[in-house]
């Protein structure tokens, strides 16, 4: 995606935050306070970050981002963020295609060795997707998010980009 997609990205991000508030650290209210120009800057690819979009019948209906960490000791890592596929298209492989494309593109970034993400522990389909492409859990954060009086637990997952293992052969402990 590029700056030209800022408006459709802004709209889909708002939809994601409204429909699935437990899946994101940001809120719809916070997003409404941002501008389309800021969204354009956020999705414009650079040497350290990019956002991929899935367009269906000319409409943006899925997205996910990748952002390399900034510190000298953490530049070997990048965070996968903003993962969303419109509910009517889930289960059709769009999320998998986006995630596989993101992993492939991340592997092209010089010196990048690891991807990390967090997922709502109560979303088994998302966790199964991440695991199926090689992400492994490394920690549980109870109460990672608080929405009103509801707490959301997150599982932290990581993918070693330097490993060439077949994801179907990976097993998690426990």
N, C-alpha and C. Protein backbone atom coordinates (compact mmCIF):
# COMPACT_ATOMS: atom_id res chain seq x y z
N UNK A 1 0.85 -1.17 0.00
CA UNK A 1 0.00 0.00 0.00
C UNK A 1 0.90 1.23 0.00
N UNK A 2 0.32 2.35 -0.40
CA UNK A 2 1.07 3.60 -0.46
C UNK A 2 0.20 4.74 0.04
N UNK A 3 0.77 5.91 0.06
CA UNK A 3 0.06 7.09 0.55
C UNK A 3 -1.26 7.31 -0.21
N UNK A 4 -1.31 6.88 -1.45
CA UNK A 4 -2.53 7.04 -2.25
C UNK A 4 -3.70 6.24 -1.67
N UNK A 5 -3.39 5.25 -0.85
CA UNK A 5 -4.43 4.40 -0.24
C UNK A 5 -4.84 4.90 1.15
N UNK A 6 -4.41 6.08 1.53
CA UNK A 6 -4.61 6.57 2.91
C UNK A 6 -6.08 6.57 3.33
N UNK A 7 -6.97 7.04 2.50
CA UNK A 7 -8.39 7.14 2.89
C UNK A 7 -9.00 5.75 3.09
N UNK A 8 -8.75 4.83 2.16
CA UNK A 8 -9.34 3.50 2.31
C UNK A 8 -8.70 2.76 3.49
N UNK A 9 -7.41 2.99 3.72
CA UNK A 9 -6.76 2.40 4.89
C UNK A 9 -7.38 2.95 6.17
N UNK A 10 -7.53 4.28 6.25
CA UNK A 10 -8.10 4.92 7.44
C UNK A 10 -9.48 4.34 7.73
N UNK A 11 -10.29 4.20 6.69
CA UNK A 11 -11.65 3.66 6.86
C UNK A 11 -11.63 2.20 7.33
N UNK A 12 -10.78 1.37 6.74
CA UNK A 12 -10.74 -0.04 7.13
C UNK A 12 -10.17 -0.19 8.54
N UNK A 13 -9.21 0.64 8.89
CA UNK A 13 -8.66 0.59 10.25
C UNK A 13 -9.76 0.92 11.27
N UNK A 14 -10.58 1.92 10.97
CA UNK A 14 -11.68 2.26 11.87
C UNK A 14 -12.66 1.09 11.98
N UNK A 15 -12.99 0.48 10.85
CA UNK A 15 -13.87 -0.70 10.87
C UNK A 15 -13.28 -1.79 11.76
N UNK A 16 -12.00 -2.05 11.62
CA UNK A 16 -11.34 -3.09 12.41
C UNK A 16 -11.42 -2.79 13.91
N UNK A 17 -11.13 -1.56 14.27
CA UNK A 17 -11.14 -1.17 15.68
C UNK A 17 -12.54 -1.21 16.28
N UNK A 18 -13.55 -0.90 15.46
CA UNK A 18 -14.94 -0.95 15.94
C UNK A 18 -15.46 -2.38 16.04
N UNK A 19 -15.16 -3.21 15.04
CA UNK A 19 -15.70 -4.58 15.01
C UNK A 19 -14.98 -5.53 15.95
N UNK A 20 -13.67 -5.36 16.09
CA UNK A 20 -12.85 -6.28 16.88
C UNK A 20 -12.00 -5.53 17.90
N UNK A 21 -12.62 -4.83 18.83
CA UNK A 21 -11.83 -4.00 19.75
C UNK A 21 -10.84 -4.78 20.62
N UNK A 22 -11.12 -6.06 20.87
CA UNK A 22 -10.21 -6.84 21.71
C UNK A 22 -8.97 -7.31 20.96
N UNK A 23 -8.92 -7.09 19.66
CA UNK A 23 -7.79 -7.54 18.86
C UNK A 23 -6.71 -6.48 18.68
N UNK A 24 -6.96 -5.27 19.14
CA UNK A 24 -6.03 -4.17 18.87
C UNK A 24 -5.74 -3.37 20.13
N UNK A 25 -4.51 -2.90 20.24
CA UNK A 25 -4.13 -2.05 21.35
C UNK A 25 -4.68 -0.65 21.24
N UNK A 26 -4.97 -0.20 20.03
CA UNK A 26 -5.55 1.13 19.82
C UNK A 26 -7.08 1.04 19.89
N UNK A 27 -7.70 2.18 20.14
CA UNK A 27 -9.16 2.22 20.19
C UNK A 27 -9.70 2.99 18.99
N UNK A 28 -10.97 2.77 18.71
CA UNK A 28 -11.63 3.51 17.63
C UNK A 28 -11.61 5.00 17.92
N UNK A 29 -11.78 5.38 19.18
CA UNK A 29 -11.76 6.80 19.55
C UNK A 29 -10.41 7.43 19.25
N UNK A 30 -9.34 6.72 19.58
CA UNK A 30 -8.00 7.23 19.27
C UNK A 30 -7.81 7.36 17.76
N UNK A 31 -8.30 6.39 17.03
CA UNK A 31 -8.14 6.43 15.57
C UNK A 31 -8.90 7.61 14.96
N UNK A 32 -10.10 7.85 15.45
CA UNK A 32 -10.89 8.97 14.92
C UNK A 32 -10.16 10.31 15.10
N UNK A 33 -9.27 10.39 16.09
CA UNK A 33 -8.52 11.62 16.34
C UNK A 33 -7.33 11.78 15.40
N UNK A 34 -7.06 10.77 14.57
CA UNK A 34 -5.96 10.87 13.61
C UNK A 34 -6.47 11.40 12.29
N UNK A 35 -5.56 11.84 11.46
CA UNK A 35 -5.92 12.39 10.15
C UNK A 35 -5.63 11.38 9.04
N UNK A 36 -6.25 11.61 7.92
CA UNK A 36 -5.96 10.77 6.75
C UNK A 36 -4.52 11.00 6.31
N UNK A 37 -4.02 12.21 6.47
CA UNK A 37 -2.63 12.50 6.12
C UNK A 37 -1.68 11.67 6.99
N UNK A 38 -1.99 11.58 8.29
CA UNK A 38 -1.16 10.76 9.19
C UNK A 38 -1.24 9.29 8.78
N UNK A 39 -2.41 8.85 8.37
CA UNK A 39 -2.56 7.47 7.90
C UNK A 39 -1.70 7.25 6.66
N UNK A 40 -1.67 8.22 5.78
CA UNK A 40 -0.85 8.12 4.58
C UNK A 40 0.62 7.97 4.91
N UNK A 41 1.07 8.72 5.89
CA UNK A 41 2.47 8.61 6.32
C UNK A 41 2.74 7.24 6.93
N UNK A 42 1.77 6.73 7.69
CA UNK A 42 1.95 5.45 8.35
C UNK A 42 2.06 4.29 7.36
N UNK A 43 1.34 4.37 6.26
CA UNK A 43 1.34 3.23 5.32
C UNK A 43 2.33 3.40 4.17
N UNK A 44 2.99 4.55 4.09
CA UNK A 44 3.99 4.74 3.04
C UNK A 44 5.21 3.88 3.37
N UNK A 45 5.57 2.95 2.49
CA UNK A 45 6.69 2.06 2.79
C UNK A 45 8.01 2.82 2.88
N UNK A 46 8.88 2.33 3.75
CA UNK A 46 10.24 2.86 3.83
C UNK A 46 11.17 1.68 4.09
N UNK A 47 12.42 1.97 4.44
CA UNK A 47 13.39 0.88 4.63
C UNK A 47 13.07 -0.01 5.83
N UNK A 48 12.22 0.48 6.73
CA UNK A 48 11.96 -0.25 7.96
C UNK A 48 10.52 -0.65 8.19
N UNK A 49 9.60 -0.25 7.34
CA UNK A 49 8.20 -0.60 7.58
C UNK A 49 7.41 -0.61 6.29
N UNK A 50 6.30 -1.35 6.33
CA UNK A 50 5.39 -1.41 5.20
C UNK A 50 4.05 -1.93 5.68
N UNK A 51 3.03 -1.67 4.90
CA UNK A 51 1.69 -2.18 5.16
C UNK A 51 1.22 -2.86 3.88
N UNK A 52 0.68 -4.07 4.02
CA UNK A 52 0.13 -4.79 2.88
C UNK A 52 -1.40 -4.74 2.96
N UNK A 53 -2.03 -4.67 1.79
CA UNK A 53 -3.47 -4.65 1.74
C UNK A 53 -4.00 -5.71 0.80
N UNK A 54 -5.18 -6.21 1.12
CA UNK A 54 -5.89 -7.16 0.25
C UNK A 54 -7.09 -6.43 -0.32
N UNK A 55 -7.07 -6.25 -1.62
CA UNK A 55 -8.17 -5.58 -2.31
C UNK A 55 -9.04 -6.64 -2.96
N UNK A 56 -10.33 -6.59 -2.68
CA UNK A 56 -11.30 -7.53 -3.24
C UNK A 56 -12.33 -6.68 -3.98
N UNK A 57 -12.49 -6.96 -5.28
CA UNK A 57 -13.39 -6.18 -6.13
C UNK A 57 -13.12 -4.68 -6.00
N UNK A 58 -11.81 -4.34 -5.95
CA UNK A 58 -11.40 -2.94 -5.91
C UNK A 58 -11.52 -2.28 -4.55
N UNK A 59 -11.93 -3.03 -3.52
CA UNK A 59 -12.10 -2.47 -2.18
C UNK A 59 -11.08 -3.08 -1.22
N UNK A 60 -10.46 -2.25 -0.39
CA UNK A 60 -9.54 -2.74 0.62
C UNK A 60 -10.35 -3.48 1.68
N UNK A 61 -10.08 -4.78 1.85
CA UNK A 61 -10.84 -5.59 2.81
C UNK A 61 -9.95 -6.37 3.77
N UNK A 62 -8.64 -6.22 3.64
CA UNK A 62 -7.71 -6.87 4.56
C UNK A 62 -6.41 -6.10 4.59
N UNK A 63 -5.71 -6.19 5.73
CA UNK A 63 -4.45 -5.44 5.85
C UNK A 63 -3.62 -6.00 6.99
N UNK A 64 -2.33 -5.71 6.96
CA UNK A 64 -1.42 -5.95 8.07
C UNK A 64 -0.14 -5.18 7.82
N UNK A 65 0.50 -4.79 8.91
CA UNK A 65 1.71 -3.99 8.81
C UNK A 65 2.89 -4.68 9.45
N UNK A 66 4.08 -4.20 9.09
CA UNK A 66 5.33 -4.69 9.64
C UNK A 66 6.20 -3.47 9.90
N UNK A 67 6.70 -3.35 11.12
CA UNK A 67 7.54 -2.21 11.49
C UNK A 67 8.76 -2.69 12.25
N UNK A 68 9.92 -2.38 11.71
CA UNK A 68 11.18 -2.74 12.36
C UNK A 68 11.37 -1.90 13.62
N UNK A 69 11.90 -2.53 14.65
CA UNK A 69 12.19 -1.79 15.88
C UNK A 69 13.38 -0.86 15.64
N UNK A 70 13.42 0.24 16.39
CA UNK A 70 14.38 1.32 16.12
C UNK A 70 15.71 1.19 16.84
N UNK A 71 15.73 0.73 18.07
CA UNK A 71 16.96 0.71 18.86
C UNK A 71 18.04 -0.17 18.26
N UNK A 72 19.29 0.22 18.48
CA UNK A 72 20.43 -0.51 17.91
C UNK A 72 20.43 -1.98 18.32
N UNK A 73 20.00 -2.27 19.54
CA UNK A 73 20.00 -3.65 20.02
C UNK A 73 18.76 -4.42 19.62
N UNK A 74 17.79 -3.75 18.99
CA UNK A 74 16.52 -4.40 18.64
C UNK A 74 16.22 -4.34 17.14
N UNK A 75 17.12 -3.82 16.34
CA UNK A 75 16.86 -3.66 14.90
C UNK A 75 16.78 -4.98 14.15
N UNK A 76 17.14 -6.06 14.79
CA UNK A 76 17.03 -7.37 14.16
C UNK A 76 15.59 -7.89 14.24
N UNK A 77 14.71 -7.13 14.93
CA UNK A 77 13.31 -7.54 15.15
C UNK A 77 12.35 -6.57 14.46
N UNK A 78 11.21 -7.09 14.09
CA UNK A 78 10.12 -6.26 13.57
C UNK A 78 8.83 -6.75 14.19
N UNK A 79 7.87 -5.85 14.30
CA UNK A 79 6.57 -6.15 14.88
C UNK A 79 5.54 -6.26 13.75
N UNK A 80 4.73 -7.29 13.79
CA UNK A 80 3.58 -7.43 12.90
C UNK A 80 2.41 -6.77 13.64
N UNK A 81 1.71 -5.86 12.97
CA UNK A 81 0.65 -5.10 13.64
C UNK A 81 -0.54 -4.91 12.70
N UNK A 82 -1.67 -4.54 13.29
CA UNK A 82 -2.84 -4.14 12.51
C UNK A 82 -3.43 -5.21 11.62
N UNK A 83 -3.36 -6.46 12.04
CA UNK A 83 -3.85 -7.58 11.22
C UNK A 83 -5.39 -7.58 11.24
N UNK A 84 -5.98 -7.51 10.05
CA UNK A 84 -7.44 -7.50 9.96
C UNK A 84 -7.88 -7.97 8.59
N UNK A 85 -8.88 -8.83 8.59
CA UNK A 85 -9.59 -9.23 7.37
C UNK A 85 -11.08 -9.06 7.67
N UNK A 86 -11.80 -8.43 6.76
CA UNK A 86 -13.23 -8.20 6.95
C UNK A 86 -13.94 -9.52 7.25
N UNK A 87 -14.88 -9.50 8.19
CA UNK A 87 -15.54 -10.74 8.63
C UNK A 87 -16.13 -11.57 7.49
N UNK A 88 -16.71 -10.92 6.49
CA UNK A 88 -17.34 -11.67 5.40
C UNK A 88 -16.35 -12.41 4.52
N UNK A 89 -15.05 -12.12 4.68
CA UNK A 89 -14.03 -12.76 3.86
C UNK A 89 -13.13 -13.71 4.64
N UNK A 90 -13.36 -13.82 5.94
CA UNK A 90 -12.53 -14.71 6.76
C UNK A 90 -12.76 -16.15 6.36
N UNK A 91 -11.73 -16.94 6.50
CA UNK A 91 -11.81 -18.36 6.15
C UNK A 91 -11.59 -18.63 4.68
N UNK A 92 -11.23 -17.61 3.92
CA UNK A 92 -11.00 -17.78 2.48
C UNK A 92 -9.52 -17.72 2.11
N UNK A 93 -8.63 -17.69 3.10
CA UNK A 93 -7.19 -17.70 2.83
C UNK A 93 -6.58 -16.33 2.63
N UNK A 94 -7.35 -15.26 2.78
CA UNK A 94 -6.81 -13.92 2.56
C UNK A 94 -5.78 -13.56 3.64
N UNK A 95 -6.10 -13.86 4.89
CA UNK A 95 -5.16 -13.59 5.97
C UNK A 95 -3.86 -14.36 5.79
N UNK A 96 -3.96 -15.62 5.39
CA UNK A 96 -2.77 -16.43 5.15
C UNK A 96 -1.92 -15.84 4.02
N UNK A 97 -2.56 -15.45 2.93
CA UNK A 97 -1.80 -14.88 1.81
C UNK A 97 -1.11 -13.59 2.22
N UNK A 98 -1.82 -12.74 2.97
CA UNK A 98 -1.20 -11.51 3.46
C UNK A 98 -0.01 -11.82 4.36
N UNK A 99 -0.20 -12.76 5.30
CA UNK A 99 0.85 -13.09 6.24
C UNK A 99 2.05 -13.71 5.53
N UNK A 100 1.82 -14.59 4.58
CA UNK A 100 2.93 -15.19 3.83
C UNK A 100 3.68 -14.13 3.03
N UNK A 101 2.95 -13.18 2.43
CA UNK A 101 3.59 -12.09 1.68
C UNK A 101 4.39 -11.20 2.62
N UNK A 102 3.84 -10.93 3.81
CA UNK A 102 4.55 -10.11 4.78
C UNK A 102 5.85 -10.79 5.21
N UNK A 103 5.80 -12.07 5.49
CA UNK A 103 6.99 -12.81 5.90
C UNK A 103 8.04 -12.78 4.79
N UNK A 104 7.61 -13.01 3.57
CA UNK A 104 8.55 -13.01 2.45
C UNK A 104 9.20 -11.64 2.28
N UNK A 105 8.41 -10.59 2.37
CA UNK A 105 8.95 -9.24 2.23
C UNK A 105 9.87 -8.91 3.41
N UNK A 106 9.50 -9.32 4.62
CA UNK A 106 10.34 -9.08 5.79
C UNK A 106 11.70 -9.76 5.63
N UNK A 107 11.71 -10.94 5.04
CA UNK A 107 12.98 -11.66 4.83
C UNK A 107 13.93 -10.89 3.91
N UNK A 108 13.39 -9.98 3.12
CA UNK A 108 14.22 -9.20 2.20
C UNK A 108 14.87 -7.99 2.87
N UNK A 109 14.43 -7.65 4.08
CA UNK A 109 15.00 -6.50 4.79
C UNK A 109 16.35 -6.91 5.38
N UNK A 110 17.42 -6.23 4.99
CA UNK A 110 18.76 -6.61 5.47
C UNK A 110 18.85 -6.60 6.99
N UNK A 111 19.37 -7.70 7.53
CA UNK A 111 19.61 -7.79 8.96
C UNK A 111 18.39 -8.13 9.81
N UNK A 112 17.22 -8.24 9.20
CA UNK A 112 16.03 -8.57 9.97
C UNK A 112 16.00 -10.08 10.21
N UNK A 113 15.90 -10.49 11.47
CA UNK A 113 15.99 -11.89 11.83
C UNK A 113 14.73 -12.45 12.48
N UNK A 114 13.87 -11.58 13.02
CA UNK A 114 12.76 -12.08 13.81
C UNK A 114 11.54 -11.18 13.65
N UNK A 115 10.36 -11.82 13.58
CA UNK A 115 9.08 -11.12 13.63
C UNK A 115 8.40 -11.46 14.94
N UNK A 116 7.74 -10.47 15.52
CA UNK A 116 7.00 -10.69 16.76
C UNK A 116 5.60 -10.12 16.60
N UNK A 117 4.66 -10.70 17.32
CA UNK A 117 3.29 -10.19 17.32
C UNK A 117 2.63 -10.58 18.62
N UNK A 118 1.50 -9.94 18.88
CA UNK A 118 0.66 -10.35 20.00
C UNK A 118 -0.72 -10.66 19.45
N UNK A 119 -1.36 -11.62 20.07
CA UNK A 119 -2.71 -12.02 19.66
C UNK A 119 -3.57 -12.24 20.89
N UNK A 120 -4.85 -11.93 20.74
CA UNK A 120 -5.83 -12.17 21.80
C UNK A 120 -5.91 -13.68 22.02
N UNK A 121 -5.63 -14.11 23.24
CA UNK A 121 -5.63 -15.53 23.54
C UNK A 121 -6.99 -16.17 23.29
N UNK A 122 -8.05 -15.37 23.29
CA UNK A 122 -9.40 -15.88 23.07
C UNK A 122 -9.77 -15.96 21.59
N UNK A 123 -8.79 -15.75 20.69
CA UNK A 123 -9.04 -15.83 19.25
C UNK A 123 -8.26 -17.02 18.67
N UNK A 124 -8.80 -18.24 18.82
CA UNK A 124 -8.06 -19.42 18.39
C UNK A 124 -7.79 -19.48 16.89
N UNK A 125 -8.65 -18.88 16.07
CA UNK A 125 -8.41 -18.91 14.62
C UNK A 125 -7.18 -18.09 14.26
N UNK A 126 -7.03 -16.92 14.87
CA UNK A 126 -5.85 -16.10 14.60
C UNK A 126 -4.59 -16.82 15.09
N UNK A 127 -4.67 -17.38 16.29
CA UNK A 127 -3.50 -18.08 16.82
C UNK A 127 -3.13 -19.29 15.96
N UNK A 128 -4.12 -19.99 15.45
CA UNK A 128 -3.86 -21.14 14.58
C UNK A 128 -3.20 -20.69 13.27
N UNK A 129 -3.66 -19.58 12.72
CA UNK A 129 -3.05 -19.05 11.50
C UNK A 129 -1.58 -18.71 11.76
N UNK A 130 -1.31 -17.98 12.82
CA UNK A 130 0.08 -17.59 13.11
C UNK A 130 0.95 -18.82 13.31
N UNK A 131 0.46 -19.78 14.06
CA UNK A 131 1.22 -21.00 14.30
C UNK A 131 1.46 -21.76 13.00
N UNK A 132 0.48 -21.78 12.12
CA UNK A 132 0.61 -22.55 10.88
C UNK A 132 1.70 -22.03 9.95
N UNK A 133 2.08 -20.77 10.09
CA UNK A 133 3.17 -20.24 9.26
C UNK A 133 4.49 -20.17 10.02
N UNK A 134 4.51 -20.69 11.25
CA UNK A 134 5.77 -20.81 11.97
C UNK A 134 5.93 -19.97 13.22
N UNK A 135 4.97 -19.11 13.55
CA UNK A 135 5.07 -18.34 14.78
C UNK A 135 4.89 -19.28 15.97
N UNK A 136 5.71 -19.07 16.99
CA UNK A 136 5.62 -19.86 18.21
C UNK A 136 5.36 -18.95 19.40
N UNK A 137 4.49 -19.38 20.32
CA UNK A 137 4.22 -18.57 21.51
C UNK A 137 5.43 -18.57 22.44
N UNK A 138 5.67 -17.42 23.09
CA UNK A 138 6.75 -17.38 24.07
C UNK A 138 6.31 -16.73 25.37
N UNK A 139 5.08 -16.31 25.45
CA UNK A 139 4.63 -15.75 26.72
C UNK A 139 3.18 -15.35 26.68
N UNK A 140 2.58 -15.34 27.86
CA UNK A 140 1.20 -14.91 28.02
C UNK A 140 1.20 -13.68 28.90
N UNK A 141 0.49 -12.65 28.47
CA UNK A 141 0.36 -11.42 29.24
C UNK A 141 -1.08 -11.27 29.71
N UNK A 142 -1.35 -11.65 30.95
CA UNK A 142 -2.71 -11.48 31.47
C UNK A 142 -3.07 -10.00 31.56
N UNK A 143 -4.29 -9.68 31.21
CA UNK A 143 -4.76 -8.30 31.31
C UNK A 143 -3.98 -7.32 30.46
N UNK A 144 -3.53 -7.74 29.29
CA UNK A 144 -2.74 -6.87 28.42
C UNK A 144 -3.53 -5.64 27.98
N UNK A 145 -4.83 -5.82 27.77
CA UNK A 145 -5.71 -4.72 27.40
C UNK A 145 -6.84 -4.64 28.42
N UNK A 146 -7.35 -3.44 28.60
CA UNK A 146 -8.53 -3.25 29.45
C UNK A 146 -9.50 -2.39 28.67
N UNK A 147 -10.67 -2.97 28.41
CA UNK A 147 -11.72 -2.28 27.66
C UNK A 147 -12.92 -2.19 28.59
N UNK A 148 -13.16 -1.01 29.11
CA UNK A 148 -14.18 -0.86 30.15
C UNK A 148 -13.76 -1.66 31.35
N UNK A 149 -14.58 -2.63 31.75
CA UNK A 149 -14.25 -3.51 32.87
C UNK A 149 -13.72 -4.87 32.42
N UNK A 150 -13.55 -5.04 31.12
CA UNK A 150 -13.12 -6.32 30.56
C UNK A 150 -11.61 -6.32 30.32
N UNK A 151 -10.94 -7.38 30.77
CA UNK A 151 -9.51 -7.55 30.52
C UNK A 151 -9.32 -8.54 29.38
N UNK A 152 -8.30 -8.30 28.57
CA UNK A 152 -7.98 -9.17 27.45
C UNK A 152 -6.56 -9.68 27.64
N UNK A 153 -6.40 -10.99 27.62
CA UNK A 153 -5.08 -11.60 27.73
C UNK A 153 -4.48 -11.74 26.34
N UNK A 154 -3.21 -11.42 26.22
CA UNK A 154 -2.50 -11.55 24.94
C UNK A 154 -1.45 -12.64 25.03
N UNK A 155 -1.27 -13.35 23.95
CA UNK A 155 -0.16 -14.28 23.82
C UNK A 155 0.86 -13.61 22.89
N UNK A 156 2.12 -13.67 23.28
CA UNK A 156 3.21 -13.12 22.48
C UNK A 156 3.77 -14.26 21.64
N UNK A 157 4.01 -13.97 20.35
CA UNK A 157 4.49 -15.00 19.44
C UNK A 157 5.66 -14.44 18.64
N UNK A 158 6.52 -15.34 18.18
CA UNK A 158 7.72 -14.93 17.47
C UNK A 158 7.99 -15.91 16.32
N UNK A 159 8.57 -15.38 15.27
CA UNK A 159 8.97 -16.20 14.11
C UNK A 159 10.42 -15.89 13.78
N UNK A 160 11.24 -16.92 13.74
CA UNK A 160 12.65 -16.80 13.37
C UNK A 160 12.73 -16.78 11.85
N UNK A 161 13.09 -15.63 11.29
CA UNK A 161 13.16 -15.49 9.83
C UNK A 161 14.37 -16.19 9.23
N UNK A 162 15.35 -16.53 10.05
CA UNK A 162 16.55 -17.17 9.52
C UNK A 162 16.38 -18.68 9.41
N UNK A 163 15.37 -19.23 10.10
CA UNK A 163 15.12 -20.68 10.06
C UNK A 163 14.41 -21.03 8.76
N UNK A 164 14.74 -22.15 8.22
CA UNK A 164 14.12 -22.62 6.99
C UNK A 164 13.24 -23.84 7.24
N UNK A 165 12.83 -24.02 8.52
CA UNK A 165 12.02 -25.19 8.89
C UNK A 165 10.64 -25.11 8.25
N UNK A 166 10.09 -26.27 7.97
CA UNK A 166 8.73 -26.39 7.48
C UNK A 166 7.79 -26.10 8.64
N UNK A 167 6.93 -25.06 8.53
CA UNK A 167 6.04 -24.72 9.66
C UNK A 167 5.18 -25.88 10.13
N UNK A 168 4.84 -26.82 9.24
CA UNK A 168 3.98 -27.93 9.66
C UNK A 168 4.70 -28.88 10.60
N UNK A 169 6.05 -28.79 10.65
CA UNK A 169 6.80 -29.67 11.54
C UNK A 169 7.06 -29.03 12.90
N UNK A 170 6.68 -27.79 13.07
CA UNK A 170 6.92 -27.10 14.33
C UNK A 170 5.92 -27.52 15.38
N UNK A 171 6.41 -27.63 16.60
CA UNK A 171 5.55 -27.98 17.72
C UNK A 171 5.84 -27.01 18.85
N UNK A 172 4.81 -26.62 19.53
CA UNK A 172 5.03 -25.78 20.70
C UNK A 172 5.03 -26.65 21.94
N UNK A 173 5.77 -26.23 22.93
CA UNK A 173 5.81 -27.01 24.16
C UNK A 173 4.58 -26.69 24.99
N UNK A 174 4.26 -27.60 25.89
CA UNK A 174 3.16 -27.35 26.82
C UNK A 174 1.92 -27.90 26.37
